[in-house]
Amino acid sequence: MTEGTAGGARFVVTRSGNTAVAGSIDWSVKKPGYGPVVSDREGLVFADFPLAPNLPVWMIALPSGRLDFAPGQTSCVLEILVADDTHAEADEDFEVWLSPSYVDGFLGQTPVAKGRIIDNDAPAFVSISPIVAEQTEGPGAALVFRVHRAGGTDGPADVW
């Protein structure tokens, strides 16, 4: 799914067996190979998903929750919103893991689904001129360079 797409990423969760009773399943988003809390160095970050307002920094994690099934209901749609940012970045993979809640049954053969966030931001390109500059030492002597930015100009770009 593309960043900021209305409705977010949708996954259909299906149950079978005794569906005559209500049931629930817990779910969590994870970066492949990592736990539910990840940092910038690992690619997928909590900033890729909308945050609850006024959430303390120490509580920030990737999305998780519980799906509830009514009696007779065999499927639920799990919708995970993805934030639209202004940073050009590589596409990012994530996984949605299912785990039985403390009161309900067993997992089937597919307890994980894969998703991909497709970046929608154009990268910024930065150039500098002149390539070589010379200046005689002395009071007030300065080298002057012009930095030009092209490409994606909607968001910030860092020059190091």
C-alpha atoms as a PDB file:
ATOM      1  CA  MET A   1       0.000   0.000   0.000  1.00  0.00           C
ATOM      2  CA  THR A   2       1.159   3.547  -0.673  1.00  0.00           C
ATOM      3  CA  GLU A   3       1.895   5.927   2.220  1.00  0.00           C
ATOM      4  CA  GLY A   4      -1.148   7.924   3.259  1.00  0.00           C
ATOM      5  CA  THR A   5      -3.632   5.820   1.262  1.00  0.00           C
ATOM      6  CA  ALA A   6      -7.168   6.361   2.554  1.00  0.00           C
ATOM      7  CA  GLY A   7      -8.308   3.398   4.606  1.00  0.00           C
ATOM      8  CA  GLY A   8      -4.840   2.009   5.261  1.00  0.00           C
ATOM      9  CA  ALA A   9      -3.657  -1.552   4.755  1.00  0.00           C
ATOM     10  CA  ARG A  10      -6.445  -4.113   4.987  1.00  0.00           C
ATOM     11  CA  PHE A  11      -6.044  -7.728   6.034  1.00  0.00           C
ATOM     12  CA  VAL A  12      -8.873 -10.260   6.261  1.00  0.00           C
ATOM     13  CA  VAL A  13      -8.693 -12.479   9.345  1.00  0.00           C
ATOM     14  CA  THR A  14     -10.750 -15.667   9.066  1.00  0.00           C
ATOM     15  CA  ARG A  15     -11.743 -18.152  11.735  1.00  0.00           C
ATOM     16  CA  SER A  16     -13.199 -21.635  11.540  1.00  0.00           C
ATOM     17  CA  GLY A  17     -14.234 -24.356  13.937  1.00  0.00           C
ATOM     18  CA  ASN A  18     -16.817 -23.445  16.564  1.00  0.00           C
ATOM     19  CA  THR A  19     -17.941 -20.080  15.209  1.00  0.00           C
ATOM     20  CA  ALA A  20     -21.270 -20.200  17.073  1.00  0.00           C
ATOM     21  CA  VAL A  21     -19.667 -18.388  19.998  1.00  0.00           C
ATOM     22  CA  ALA A  22     -17.955 -15.001  20.172  1.00  0.00           C
ATOM     23  CA  GLY A  23     -14.176 -14.994  19.903  1.00  0.00           C
ATOM     24  CA  SER A  24     -11.194 -12.693  19.679  1.00  0.00           C
ATOM     25  CA  ILE A  25      -7.627 -12.685  18.420  1.00  0.00           C
ATOM     26  CA  ASP A  26      -4.737 -10.371  19.300  1.00  0.00           C
ATOM     27  CA  TRP A  27      -2.613  -8.858  16.523  1.00  0.00           C
ATOM     28  CA  SER A  28       0.601  -6.842  16.323  1.00  0.00           C
ATOM     29  CA  VAL A  29       2.714  -5.205  13.615  1.00  0.00           C
ATOM     30  CA  LYS A  30       6.385  -6.150  13.525  1.00  0.00           C
ATOM     31  CA  LYS A  31       9.345  -5.537  11.274  1.00  0.00           C
ATOM     32  CA  PRO A  32      10.456  -8.864   9.785  1.00  0.00           C
ATOM     33  CA  GLY A  33      13.104 -10.282  12.134  1.00  0.00           C
ATOM     34  CA  TYR A  34      12.436  -7.808  14.974  1.00  0.00           C
ATOM     35  CA  GLY A  35      10.076  -7.379  17.904  1.00  0.00           C
ATOM     36  CA  PRO A  36       7.170  -4.913  18.121  1.00  0.00           C
ATOM     37  CA  VAL A  37       9.315  -1.866  19.046  1.00  0.00           C
ATOM     38  CA  VAL A  38      11.917  -0.770  16.503  1.00  0.00           C
ATOM     39  CA  SER A  39      14.111   2.257  15.878  1.00  0.00           C
ATOM     40  CA  ASP A  40      15.151   4.333  12.863  1.00  0.00           C
ATOM     41  CA  ARG A  41      18.249   2.187  12.312  1.00  0.00           C
ATOM     42  CA  GLU A  42      16.011  -0.789  11.594  1.00  0.00           C
ATOM     43  CA  GLY A  43      13.972   0.911   8.828  1.00  0.00           C
ATOM     44  CA  LEU A  44      10.315   0.508   9.763  1.00  0.00           C
ATOM     45  CA  VAL A  45       9.502   2.870  12.621  1.00  0.00           C
ATOM     46  CA  PHE A  46       6.523   3.901  14.673  1.00  0.00           C
ATOM     47  CA  ALA A  47       6.529   7.167  12.655  1.00  0.00           C
ATOM     48  CA  ASP A  48       5.228   5.148   9.691  1.00  0.00           C
ATOM     49  CA  PHE A  49       1.940   4.721  11.560  1.00  0.00           C
ATOM     50  CA  PRO A  50      -0.326   7.417  13.082  1.00  0.00           C
ATOM     51  CA  LEU A  51       0.265   7.806  16.819  1.00  0.00           C
ATOM     52  CA  ALA A  52      -2.257   8.258  19.575  1.00  0.00           C
ATOM     53  CA  PRO A  53      -2.208  11.899  20.736  1.00  0.00           C
ATOM     54  CA  ASN A  54      -0.170  12.734  23.857  1.00  0.00           C
ATOM     55  CA  LEU A  55       1.403   9.285  24.038  1.00  0.00           C
ATOM     56  CA  PRO A  56       4.551   9.303  26.207  1.00  0.00           C
ATOM     57  CA  VAL A  57       7.713   8.522  24.218  1.00  0.00           C
ATOM     58  CA  TRP A  58       8.468   5.434  26.318  1.00  0.00           C
ATOM     59  CA  MET A  59       5.106   3.941  25.293  1.00  0.00           C
ATOM     60  CA  ILE A  60       5.559   4.375  21.533  1.00  0.00           C
ATOM     61  CA  ALA A  61       5.402   1.049  19.715  1.00  0.00           C
ATOM     62  CA  LEU A  62       4.153  -0.319  16.440  1.00  0.00           C
ATOM     63  CA  PRO A  63       0.370  -0.828  16.173  1.00  0.00           C
ATOM     64  CA  SER A  64      -1.325  -3.732  17.939  1.00  0.00           C
ATOM     65  CA  GLY A  65      -4.781  -4.604  19.159  1.00  0.00           C
ATOM     66  CA  ARG A  66      -7.531  -7.178  19.343  1.00  0.00           C
ATOM     67  CA  LEU A  67     -10.128  -8.256  16.786  1.00  0.00           C
ATOM     68  CA  ASP A  68     -13.474  -9.396  18.178  1.00  0.00           C
ATOM     69  CA  PHE A  69     -15.720 -11.869  16.355  1.00  0.00           C
ATOM     70  CA  ALA A  70     -19.455 -11.938  17.035  1.00  0.00           C
ATOM     71  CA  PRO A  71     -21.216 -15.335  17.263  1.00  0.00           C
ATOM     72  CA  GLY A  72     -21.493 -16.749  13.738  1.00  0.00           C
ATOM     73  CA  GLN A  73     -18.962 -14.278  12.297  1.00  0.00           C
ATOM     74  CA  THR A  74     -16.204 -16.041  10.357  1.00  0.00           C
ATOM     75  CA  SER A  75     -14.109 -13.098   9.144  1.00  0.00           C
ATOM     76  CA  CYS A  76     -13.047  -9.607  10.217  1.00  0.00           C
ATOM     77  CA  VAL A  77     -11.206  -6.900   8.315  1.00  0.00           C
ATOM     78  CA  LEU A  78      -8.146  -5.584  10.134  1.00  0.00           C
ATOM     79  CA  GLU A  79      -7.305  -2.072   8.945  1.00  0.00           C
ATOM     80  CA  ILE A  80      -3.901  -0.595   9.788  1.00  0.00           C
ATOM     81  CA  LEU A  81      -3.458   3.090   9.018  1.00  0.00           C
ATOM     82  CA  VAL A  82      -0.150   4.207   7.531  1.00  0.00           C
ATOM     83  CA  ALA A  83       1.061   7.772   8.018  1.00  0.00           C
ATOM     84  CA  ASP A  84       1.952   9.979   5.056  1.00  0.00           C
ATOM     85  CA  ASP A  85       5.277  11.686   5.648  1.00  0.00           C
ATOM     86  CA  THR A  86       7.439  13.961   3.506  1.00  0.00           C
ATOM     87  CA  HIS A  87      10.657  11.925   3.707  1.00  0.00           C
ATOM     88  CA  ALA A  88      11.906  10.092   0.626  1.00  0.00           C
ATOM     89  CA  GLU A  89      12.832   6.611   1.798  1.00  0.00           C
ATOM     90  CA  ALA A  90      12.961   3.025   0.603  1.00  0.00           C
ATOM     91  CA  ASP A  91       9.767   0.965   0.589  1.00  0.00           C
ATOM     92  CA  GLU A  92       9.334  -0.831   3.915  1.00  0.00           C
ATOM     93  CA  ASP A  93       8.074  -4.324   4.683  1.00  0.00           C
ATOM     94  CA  PHE A  94       6.112  -5.215   7.793  1.00  0.00           C
ATOM     95  CA  GLU A  95       4.332  -8.236   9.213  1.00  0.00           C
ATOM     96  CA  VAL A  96       1.038  -8.608  11.029  1.00  0.00           C
ATOM     97  CA  TRP A  97       1.212 -11.367  13.630  1.00  0.00           C
ATOM     98  CA  LEU A  98      -1.797 -13.073  15.175  1.00  0.00           C
ATOM     99  CA  SER A  99      -1.726 -14.602  18.639  1.00  0.00           C
ATOM    100  CA  PRO A 100      -4.589 -16.150  20.579  1.00  0.00           C
ATOM    101  CA  SER A 101      -6.063 -13.938  23.268  1.00  0.00           C
ATOM    102  CA  TYR A 102      -6.098 -15.314  26.785  1.00  0.00           C
ATOM    103  CA  VAL A 103      -9.667 -16.660  26.440  1.00  0.00           C
ATOM    104  CA  ASP A 104      -9.761 -18.016  22.891  1.00  0.00           C
ATOM    105  CA  GLY A 105      -8.618 -21.019  20.923  1.00  0.00           C
ATOM    106  CA  PHE A 106      -5.852 -21.906  18.556  1.00  0.00           C
ATOM    107  CA  LEU A 107      -4.027 -20.364  15.643  1.00  0.00           C
ATOM    108  CA  GLY A 108      -4.373 -21.843  12.185  1.00  0.00           C
ATOM    109  CA  GLN A 109      -1.581 -22.475   9.721  1.00  0.00           C
ATOM    110  CA  THR A 110      -1.192 -18.798   8.757  1.00  0.00           C
ATOM    111  CA  PRO A 111      -0.575 -16.678  11.887  1.00  0.00           C
ATOM    112  CA  VAL A 112       1.369 -13.990   9.963  1.00  0.00           C
ATOM    113  CA  ALA A 113       0.653 -11.787   6.935  1.00  0.00           C
ATOM    114  CA  LYS A 114       3.093  -9.551   5.081  1.00  0.00           C
ATOM    115  CA  GLY A 115       2.594  -5.950   4.026  1.00  0.00           C
ATOM    116  CA  ARG A 116       4.670  -3.296   2.273  1.00  0.00           C
ATOM    117  CA  ILE A 117       4.561   0.490   2.634  1.00  0.00           C
ATOM    118  CA  ILE A 118       5.375   2.067  -0.729  1.00  0.00           C
ATOM    119  CA  ASP A 119       6.989   5.487  -0.407  1.00  0.00           C
ATOM    120  CA  ASN A 120       5.267   8.325  -2.285  1.00  0.00           C
ATOM    121  CA  ASP A 121       7.929  11.032  -1.862  1.00  0.00           C
ATOM    122  CA  ALA A 122      10.385  12.143  -4.536  1.00  0.00           C
ATOM    123  CA  PRO A 123      14.002  12.266  -3.346  1.00  0.00           C
ATOM    124  CA  ALA A 124      15.770  15.613  -3.182  1.00  0.00           C
ATOM    125  CA  PHE A 125      18.946  16.074  -5.213  1.00  0.00           C
ATOM    126  CA  VAL A 126      21.576  18.517  -3.978  1.00  0.00           C
ATOM    127  CA  SER A 127      24.510  19.941  -5.924  1.00  0.00           C
ATOM    128  CA  ILE A 128      27.200  22.456  -5.054  1.00  0.00           C
ATOM    129  CA  SER A 129      29.154  24.918  -7.157  1.00  0.00           C
ATOM    130  CA  PRO A 130      31.871  25.758  -7.816  1.00  0.00           C
ATOM    131  CA  ILE A 131      33.406  22.301  -7.537  1.00  0.00           C
ATOM    132  CA  VAL A 132      36.847  23.820  -6.849  1.00  0.00           C
ATOM    133  CA  ALA A 133      37.295  27.227  -5.228  1.00  0.00           C
ATOM    134  CA  GLU A 134      40.397  29.210  -4.364  1.00  0.00           C
ATOM    135  CA  GLN A 135      40.715  32.164  -2.001  1.00  0.00           C
ATOM    136  CA  THR A 136      43.766  34.015  -0.765  1.00  0.00           C
ATOM    137  CA  GLU A 137      44.182  34.092   3.012  1.00  0.00           C
ATOM    138  CA  GLY A 138      43.562  37.327   4.787  1.00  0.00           C
ATOM    139  CA  PRO A 139      41.012  39.342   6.744  1.00  0.00           C
ATOM    140  CA  GLY A 140      37.507  38.897   5.378  1.00  0.00           C
ATOM    141  CA  ALA A 141      38.564  36.060   3.059  1.00  0.00           C
ATOM    142  CA  ALA A 142      35.793  33.516   2.568  1.00  0.00           C
ATOM    143  CA  LEU A 143      34.996  30.714   0.199  1.00  0.00           C
ATOM    144  CA  VAL A 144      31.481  30.978  -1.147  1.00  0.00           C
ATOM    145  CA  PHE A 145      29.604  27.976  -2.480  1.00  0.00           C
ATOM    146  CA  ARG A 146      26.077  27.816  -3.817  1.00  0.00           C
ATOM    147  CA  VAL A 147      23.999  24.770  -2.880  1.00  0.00           C
ATOM    148  CA  HIS A 148      21.185  23.910  -5.293  1.00  0.00           C
ATOM    149  CA  ARG A 149      18.286  21.613  -4.456  1.00  0.00           C
ATOM    150  CA  ALA A 150      16.135  19.905  -7.087  1.00  0.00           C
ATOM    151  CA  GLY A 151      13.738  16.986  -7.239  1.00  0.00           C
ATOM    152  CA  GLY A 152      11.470  16.507  -4.235  1.00  0.00           C
ATOM    153  CA  THR A 153      11.180  19.849  -2.450  1.00  0.00           C
ATOM    154  CA  ASP A 154       8.075  19.158  -0.336  1.00  0.00           C
ATOM    155  CA  GLY A 155       9.943  18.108   2.809  1.00  0.00           C
ATOM    156  CA  PRO A 156      13.239  18.725   4.537  1.00  0.00           C
ATOM    157  CA  ALA A 157      16.589  17.657   3.089  1.00  0.00           C
ATOM    158  CA  ASP A 158      19.795  17.428   5.092  1.00  0.00           C
ATOM    159  CA  VAL A 159      23.182  18.377   3.668  1.00  0.00           C
ATOM    160  CA  TRP A 160      26.196  17.081   5.567  1.00  0.00           C
END
